[in-house]
C-alpha atoms as a PDB file:
ATOM      1  CA  MET A   1     -37.545 188.250-104.292  1.00  0.00           C
ATOM      2  CA  ALA A   2     -37.179 188.355-100.494  1.00  0.00           C
ATOM      3  CA  LYS A   3     -40.935 188.589-100.198  1.00  0.00           C
ATOM      4  CA  HIS A   4     -41.334 185.360-102.164  1.00  0.00           C
ATOM      5  CA  GLY A   5     -38.871 183.602 -99.868  1.00  0.00           C
ATOM      6  CA  GLN A   6     -40.697 184.878 -96.800  1.00  0.00           C
ATOM      7  CA  ALA A   7     -44.037 183.737 -98.229  1.00  0.00           C
ATOM      8  CA  THR A   8     -42.625 180.292 -98.946  1.00  0.00           C
ATOM      9  CA  THR A   9     -41.222 180.033 -95.405  1.00  0.00           C
ATOM     10  CA  THR A  10     -44.537 181.175 -93.912  1.00  0.00           C
ATOM     11  CA  THR A  11     -46.471 178.706 -96.067  1.00  0.00           C
ATOM     12  CA  THR A  12     -44.123 175.880 -95.122  1.00  0.00           C
ATOM     13  CA  ALA A  13     -44.495 176.716 -91.418  1.00  0.00           C
ATOM     14  CA  ALA A  14     -48.293 176.811 -91.755  1.00  0.00           C
ATOM     15  CA  VAL A  15     -48.355 173.432 -93.510  1.00  0.00           C
ATOM     16  CA  LEU A  16     -46.082 171.966 -90.819  1.00  0.00           C
ATOM     17  CA  ALA A  17     -48.335 173.323 -88.046  1.00  0.00           C
ATOM     18  CA  VAL A  18     -51.429 171.800 -89.682  1.00  0.00           C
ATOM     19  CA  ALA A  19     -49.615 168.473 -90.141  1.00  0.00           C
ATOM     20  CA  LEU A  20     -48.620 168.438 -86.474  1.00  0.00           C
ATOM     21  CA  MET A  21     -52.188 169.192 -85.403  1.00  0.00           C
ATOM     22  CA  LEU A  22     -53.465 166.360 -87.577  1.00  0.00           C
ATOM     23  CA  ALA A  23     -50.834 164.007 -86.168  1.00  0.00           C
ATOM     24  CA  ALA A  24     -51.785 164.983 -82.631  1.00  0.00           C
ATOM     25  CA  SER A  25     -55.476 164.503 -83.387  1.00  0.00           C
ATOM     26  CA  ALA A  26     -54.802 161.139 -85.006  1.00  0.00           C
ATOM     27  CA  GLY A  27     -52.799 160.102 -81.960  1.00  0.00           C
ATOM     28  CA  LEU A  28     -55.679 160.998 -79.671  1.00  0.00           C
ATOM     29  CA  ALA A  29     -58.234 159.198 -81.824  1.00  0.00           C
ATOM     30  CA  HIS A  30     -56.223 155.961 -82.002  1.00  0.00           C
ATOM     31  CA  GLY A  31     -54.282 156.047 -78.761  1.00  0.00           C
ATOM     32  CA  ILE A  32     -50.609 156.510 -78.166  1.00  0.00           C
ATOM     33  CA  CYS A  33     -48.125 153.795 -77.164  1.00  0.00           C
ATOM     34  CA  ASN A  34     -50.867 151.274 -76.313  1.00  0.00           C
ATOM     35  CA  LEU A  35     -52.669 153.942 -74.289  1.00  0.00           C
ATOM     36  CA  SER A  36     -56.166 154.073 -75.748  1.00  0.00           C
ATOM     37  CA  ASP A  37     -58.299 157.167 -76.172  1.00  0.00           C
ATOM     38  CA  GLU A  38     -60.302 155.947 -73.161  1.00  0.00           C
ATOM     39  CA  GLY A  39     -57.089 155.664 -71.138  1.00  0.00           C
ATOM     40  CA  LEU A  40     -55.972 159.125 -72.203  1.00  0.00           C
ATOM     41  CA  GLN A  41     -59.320 160.567 -71.164  1.00  0.00           C
ATOM     42  CA  ALA A  42     -59.150 158.717 -67.812  1.00  0.00           C
ATOM     43  CA  CYS A  43     -55.746 160.286 -67.110  1.00  0.00           C
ATOM     44  CA  LYS A  44     -56.575 163.778 -68.321  1.00  0.00           C
ATOM     45  CA  PRO A  45     -58.003 165.081 -64.996  1.00  0.00           C
ATOM     46  CA  ALA A  46     -54.745 164.247 -63.199  1.00  0.00           C
ATOM     47  CA  ALA A  47     -52.603 165.864 -65.909  1.00  0.00           C
ATOM     48  CA  ALA A  48     -54.744 168.916 -66.629  1.00  0.00           C
ATOM     49  CA  VAL A  49     -53.180 172.357 -66.822  1.00  0.00           C
ATOM     50  CA  ARG A  50     -56.112 173.861 -64.930  1.00  0.00           C
ATOM     51  CA  ASN A  51     -57.464 172.390 -61.690  1.00  0.00           C
ATOM     52  CA  PRO A  52     -55.777 168.976 -61.851  1.00  0.00           C
ATOM     53  CA  VAL A  53     -56.759 166.283 -59.385  1.00  0.00           C
ATOM     54  CA  ASP A  54     -53.956 165.053 -57.112  1.00  0.00           C
ATOM     55  CA  THR A  55     -54.438 161.326 -57.618  1.00  0.00           C
ATOM     56  CA  PRO A  56     -54.976 159.540 -60.940  1.00  0.00           C
ATOM     57  CA  SER A  57     -58.104 157.408 -61.125  1.00  0.00           C
ATOM     58  CA  SER A  58     -57.972 153.618 -60.997  1.00  0.00           C
ATOM     59  CA  LYS A  59     -58.966 153.608 -64.694  1.00  0.00           C
ATOM     60  CA  CYS A  60     -55.999 155.858 -65.482  1.00  0.00           C
ATOM     61  CA  CYS A  61     -53.609 153.592 -63.568  1.00  0.00           C
ATOM     62  CA  ALA A  62     -55.008 150.497 -65.293  1.00  0.00           C
ATOM     63  CA  ALA A  63     -54.504 152.187 -68.666  1.00  0.00           C
ATOM     64  CA  LEU A  64     -50.927 153.130 -67.761  1.00  0.00           C
ATOM     65  CA  ARG A  65     -50.167 149.549 -66.671  1.00  0.00           C
ATOM     66  CA  ALA A  66     -51.182 148.408 -70.173  1.00  0.00           C
ATOM     67  CA  ALA A  67     -49.259 151.212 -71.912  1.00  0.00           C
ATOM     68  CA  ASP A  68     -45.826 150.941 -73.483  1.00  0.00           C
ATOM     69  CA  LEU A  69     -43.935 153.200 -71.053  1.00  0.00           C
ATOM     70  CA  PRO A  70     -40.654 153.293 -73.058  1.00  0.00           C
ATOM     71  CA  CYS A  71     -42.701 154.430 -76.060  1.00  0.00           C
ATOM     72  CA  LEU A  72     -44.380 157.150 -73.976  1.00  0.00           C
ATOM     73  CA  CYS A  73     -40.960 158.319 -72.803  1.00  0.00           C
ATOM     74  CA  GLY A  74     -39.831 158.663 -76.415  1.00  0.00           C
ATOM     75  CA  TYR A  75     -43.004 160.497 -77.352  1.00  0.00           C
ATOM     76  CA  LYS A  76     -42.865 163.024 -74.505  1.00  0.00           C
ATOM     77  CA  GLY A  77     -40.296 165.324 -76.076  1.00  0.00           C
ATOM     78  CA  SER A  78     -41.799 165.389 -79.554  1.00  0.00           C
ATOM     79  CA  ALA A  79     -43.286 168.460 -81.183  1.00  0.00           C
ATOM     80  CA  SER A  80     -46.627 166.704 -81.633  1.00  0.00           C
ATOM     81  CA  ALA A  81     -46.736 165.863 -77.897  1.00  0.00           C
ATOM     82  CA  ARG A  82     -46.152 169.516 -77.005  1.00  0.00           C
ATOM     83  CA  LEU A  83     -48.805 170.626 -79.465  1.00  0.00           C
ATOM     84  CA  TRP A  84     -51.204 167.931 -78.248  1.00  0.00           C
ATOM     85  CA  GLY A  85     -50.613 169.063 -74.678  1.00  0.00           C
ATOM     86  CA  ARG A  86     -51.458 172.658 -75.537  1.00  0.00           C
ATOM     87  CA  LEU A  87     -54.501 171.714 -77.607  1.00  0.00           C
ATOM     88  CA  TYR A  88     -56.000 169.469 -74.936  1.00  0.00           C
ATOM     89  CA  GLY A  89     -54.901 171.351 -71.815  1.00  0.00           C
ATOM     90  CA  ILE A  90     -52.435 168.696 -70.637  1.00  0.00           C
ATOM     91  CA  ASP A  91     -49.364 169.581 -68.576  1.00  0.00           C
ATOM     92  CA  LEU A  92     -46.780 167.173 -70.003  1.00  0.00           C
ATOM     93  CA  ASN A  93     -44.559 167.367 -66.922  1.00  0.00           C
ATOM     94  CA  ARG A  94     -47.523 166.496 -64.710  1.00  0.00           C
ATOM     95  CA  ALA A  95     -48.499 163.701 -67.098  1.00  0.00           C
ATOM     96  CA  MET A  96     -45.053 162.132 -66.734  1.00  0.00           C
ATOM     97  CA  THR A  97     -45.573 161.909 -62.940  1.00  0.00           C
ATOM     98  CA  LEU A  98     -48.681 159.758 -63.331  1.00  0.00           C
ATOM     99  CA  PRO A  99     -46.932 156.375 -63.720  1.00  0.00           C
ATOM    100  CA  GLY A 100     -45.116 156.944 -60.408  1.00  0.00           C
ATOM    101  CA  LYS A 101     -48.392 157.906 -58.726  1.00  0.00           C
ATOM    102  CA  CYS A 102     -49.795 154.610 -59.996  1.00  0.00           C
ATOM    103  CA  GLY A 103     -46.890 152.629 -58.545  1.00  0.00           C
ATOM    104  CA  LEU A 104     -45.174 152.115 -61.899  1.00  0.00           C
ATOM    105  CA  THR A 105     -41.528 152.731 -62.627  1.00  0.00           C
ATOM    106  CA  LEU A 106     -40.552 154.660 -65.724  1.00  0.00           C
ATOM    107  CA  PRO A 107     -37.556 153.439 -67.717  1.00  0.00           C
ATOM    108  CA  ALA A 108     -34.238 154.869 -66.504  1.00  0.00           C
ATOM    109  CA  ARG A 109     -33.768 156.987 -69.633  1.00  0.00           C
ATOM    110  CA  CYS A 110     -37.143 158.649 -69.512  1.00  0.00           C
END
């Protein structure tokens, strides 16, 4: 009986992992918090885990100016954001510094 319970737990975890990957992929395809896929791609070099650039591009900063920063702050701690970061090679802590590098102020509770 314990084996059945373990199998059910493993299956549930696998389904959850697939659902999170799909949610992360859907977020990338449709944008996140008014940050389009194009904006995400423009910001990726400055938030990359490997060999990041020091300064975000003007396209990245323009995309961040149009983004819903409070929404991004709420999204940053989510499981799908962490998974998305790992899947796409994004350092989430570095990504959260980009608004400041673009002269934007994050909400106080970010």
